[in-house]
């Protein structure tokens, strides 16, 4: 898939697009930042984006439904 076509997608949209939502949910429920980042890398997020997203979810899981 062309990088340009996924750039405007939300985190959830990318996770669903790549079939990674269940893996991310499992990592998020366990609070495993490293595992969340690995999943986000597979959805073509940069290291900075993956880190920021994983840290945000880990610091306030209830806000994100976990």
N, C-alpha and C. Protein backbone atom coordinates (compact mmCIF):
# COMPACT_ATOMS: atom_id res chain seq x y z
N UNK A 1 0.85 -1.19 0.00
CA UNK A 1 0.00 0.00 0.00
C UNK A 1 0.88 1.23 0.00
N UNK A 2 0.53 2.20 -0.76
CA UNK A 2 1.28 3.43 -0.83
C UNK A 2 1.18 4.18 0.49
N UNK A 3 2.32 4.68 0.95
CA UNK A 3 2.38 5.40 2.23
C UNK A 3 1.42 6.59 2.23
N UNK A 4 1.33 7.27 1.11
CA UNK A 4 0.48 8.46 1.03
C UNK A 4 -0.99 8.13 1.33
N UNK A 5 -1.45 6.96 0.94
CA UNK A 5 -2.86 6.63 1.12
C UNK A 5 -3.22 6.31 2.58
N UNK A 6 -2.23 6.06 3.43
CA UNK A 6 -2.53 5.78 4.84
C UNK A 6 -2.21 6.96 5.75
N UNK A 7 -1.56 7.97 5.22
CA UNK A 7 -1.13 9.10 6.06
C UNK A 7 -2.28 9.80 6.77
N UNK A 8 -3.44 9.90 6.15
CA UNK A 8 -4.55 10.61 6.76
C UNK A 8 -5.42 9.75 7.66
N UNK A 9 -5.06 8.48 7.80
CA UNK A 9 -5.87 7.57 8.62
C UNK A 9 -5.60 7.78 10.10
N UNK A 10 -6.63 7.56 10.90
CA UNK A 10 -6.46 7.57 12.35
C UNK A 10 -5.72 6.30 12.77
N UNK A 11 -5.32 6.24 14.02
CA UNK A 11 -4.66 5.05 14.54
C UNK A 11 -5.57 3.83 14.34
N UNK A 12 -6.82 3.96 14.76
CA UNK A 12 -7.75 2.82 14.63
C UNK A 12 -7.95 2.41 13.18
N UNK A 13 -8.06 3.37 12.29
CA UNK A 13 -8.24 3.04 10.88
C UNK A 13 -7.04 2.25 10.34
N UNK A 14 -5.84 2.68 10.70
CA UNK A 14 -4.65 1.95 10.25
C UNK A 14 -4.61 0.54 10.84
N UNK A 15 -4.91 0.44 12.12
CA UNK A 15 -4.88 -0.88 12.75
C UNK A 15 -5.87 -1.82 12.08
N UNK A 16 -7.06 -1.34 11.80
CA UNK A 16 -8.05 -2.18 11.11
C UNK A 16 -7.61 -2.49 9.69
N UNK A 17 -7.07 -1.50 9.01
CA UNK A 17 -6.64 -1.69 7.62
C UNK A 17 -5.61 -2.81 7.51
N UNK A 18 -4.68 -2.85 8.46
CA UNK A 18 -3.62 -3.85 8.43
C UNK A 18 -3.96 -5.11 9.22
N UNK A 19 -5.17 -5.18 9.77
CA UNK A 19 -5.59 -6.35 10.53
C UNK A 19 -4.83 -6.52 11.84
N UNK A 20 -4.48 -5.40 12.46
CA UNK A 20 -3.66 -5.43 13.67
C UNK A 20 -4.40 -4.98 14.93
N UNK A 21 -5.69 -4.70 14.81
CA UNK A 21 -6.42 -4.14 15.96
C UNK A 21 -6.44 -5.10 17.15
N UNK A 22 -6.58 -6.39 16.92
CA UNK A 22 -6.62 -7.34 18.05
C UNK A 22 -5.27 -7.43 18.75
N UNK A 23 -4.19 -7.41 17.97
CA UNK A 23 -2.85 -7.44 18.57
C UNK A 23 -2.60 -6.17 19.38
N UNK A 24 -3.02 -5.03 18.84
CA UNK A 24 -2.82 -3.79 19.57
C UNK A 24 -3.67 -3.78 20.84
N UNK A 25 -4.91 -4.22 20.74
CA UNK A 25 -5.79 -4.25 21.91
C UNK A 25 -5.20 -5.12 23.02
N UNK A 26 -4.65 -6.27 22.66
CA UNK A 26 -4.05 -7.16 23.66
C UNK A 26 -2.87 -6.48 24.33
N UNK A 27 -2.03 -5.82 23.55
CA UNK A 27 -0.87 -5.12 24.10
C UNK A 27 -1.32 -3.96 24.99
N UNK A 28 -2.34 -3.24 24.55
CA UNK A 28 -2.84 -2.11 25.33
C UNK A 28 -3.46 -2.56 26.63
N UNK A 29 -4.24 -3.64 26.59
CA UNK A 29 -4.87 -4.14 27.82
C UNK A 29 -3.81 -4.57 28.84
N UNK A 30 -2.68 -5.07 28.36
CA UNK A 30 -1.63 -5.50 29.28
C UNK A 30 -0.73 -4.33 29.70
N UNK A 31 -0.90 -3.18 29.06
CA UNK A 31 -0.08 -2.02 29.38
C UNK A 31 1.35 -2.12 28.86
N UNK A 32 1.56 -2.98 27.89
CA UNK A 32 2.90 -3.25 27.36
C UNK A 32 3.24 -2.24 26.25
N UNK A 33 3.96 -1.19 26.62
CA UNK A 33 4.30 -0.12 25.68
C UNK A 33 5.14 -0.66 24.52
N UNK A 34 6.10 -1.50 24.82
CA UNK A 34 6.96 -2.06 23.77
C UNK A 34 6.15 -2.86 22.75
N UNK A 35 5.23 -3.68 23.23
CA UNK A 35 4.39 -4.48 22.33
C UNK A 35 3.47 -3.58 21.51
N UNK A 36 2.92 -2.53 22.13
CA UNK A 36 2.08 -1.60 21.38
C UNK A 36 2.89 -0.95 20.26
N UNK A 37 4.12 -0.54 20.57
CA UNK A 37 4.96 0.10 19.57
C UNK A 37 5.28 -0.84 18.42
N UNK A 38 5.54 -2.11 18.72
CA UNK A 38 5.83 -3.07 17.66
C UNK A 38 4.65 -3.21 16.70
N UNK A 39 3.45 -3.22 17.26
CA UNK A 39 2.25 -3.30 16.41
C UNK A 39 2.12 -2.03 15.58
N UNK A 40 2.34 -0.90 16.20
CA UNK A 40 2.23 0.37 15.48
C UNK A 40 3.27 0.48 14.37
N UNK A 41 4.46 -0.05 14.59
CA UNK A 41 5.47 -0.07 13.52
C UNK A 41 4.96 -0.88 12.33
N UNK A 42 4.29 -1.98 12.61
CA UNK A 42 3.75 -2.81 11.53
C UNK A 42 2.65 -2.07 10.76
N UNK A 43 2.03 -1.07 11.40
CA UNK A 43 1.02 -0.26 10.73
C UNK A 43 1.65 1.00 10.11
N UNK A 44 2.97 0.99 10.00
CA UNK A 44 3.73 2.05 9.32
C UNK A 44 3.71 3.40 10.04
N UNK A 45 3.71 3.35 11.37
CA UNK A 45 3.89 4.58 12.13
C UNK A 45 5.38 4.79 12.33
N UNK A 46 5.80 6.05 12.41
CA UNK A 46 7.20 6.35 12.70
C UNK A 46 7.48 5.99 14.16
N UNK A 47 8.75 5.98 14.52
CA UNK A 47 9.11 5.69 15.90
C UNK A 47 8.50 6.73 16.84
N UNK A 48 8.56 7.98 16.46
CA UNK A 48 7.99 9.05 17.30
C UNK A 48 6.48 8.90 17.45
N UNK A 49 5.80 8.61 16.34
CA UNK A 49 4.34 8.44 16.40
C UNK A 49 3.96 7.23 17.25
N UNK A 50 4.68 6.13 17.06
CA UNK A 50 4.39 4.91 17.82
C UNK A 50 4.63 5.13 19.30
N UNK A 51 5.73 5.77 19.63
CA UNK A 51 6.05 6.03 21.03
C UNK A 51 5.01 6.93 21.68
N UNK A 52 4.67 8.01 21.00
CA UNK A 52 3.68 8.95 21.55
C UNK A 52 2.33 8.26 21.76
N UNK A 53 1.90 7.48 20.79
CA UNK A 53 0.61 6.80 20.88
C UNK A 53 0.62 5.77 22.01
N UNK A 54 1.65 4.94 22.05
CA UNK A 54 1.73 3.90 23.08
C UNK A 54 1.80 4.50 24.47
N UNK A 55 2.58 5.56 24.64
CA UNK A 55 2.69 6.21 25.95
C UNK A 55 1.35 6.83 26.36
N UNK A 56 0.66 7.42 25.41
CA UNK A 56 -0.65 8.02 25.72
C UNK A 56 -1.64 6.96 26.19
N UNK A 57 -1.68 5.84 25.49
CA UNK A 57 -2.59 4.76 25.87
C UNK A 57 -2.21 4.18 27.23
N UNK A 58 -0.92 3.96 27.44
CA UNK A 58 -0.46 3.38 28.71
C UNK A 58 -0.71 4.32 29.89
N UNK A 59 -0.61 5.62 29.66
CA UNK A 59 -0.78 6.56 30.78
C UNK A 59 -2.23 6.80 31.15
N UNK A 60 -3.16 6.51 30.23
CA UNK A 60 -4.58 6.71 30.53
C UNK A 60 -5.42 5.70 29.74
N UNK A 61 -5.31 4.42 30.07
CA UNK A 61 -5.99 3.39 29.28
C UNK A 61 -7.52 3.55 29.24
N UNK A 62 -8.11 4.05 30.32
CA UNK A 62 -9.57 4.20 30.34
C UNK A 62 -10.03 5.18 29.27
N UNK A 63 -9.25 6.21 29.02
CA UNK A 63 -9.61 7.19 28.00
C UNK A 63 -9.73 6.55 26.62
N UNK A 64 -8.96 5.50 26.40
CA UNK A 64 -8.94 4.84 25.10
C UNK A 64 -9.73 3.52 25.10
N UNK A 65 -10.47 3.30 26.15
CA UNK A 65 -11.34 2.13 26.21
C UNK A 65 -10.68 0.85 26.68
N UNK A 66 -9.55 0.97 27.37
CA UNK A 66 -8.86 -0.24 27.86
C UNK A 66 -8.94 -0.34 29.34
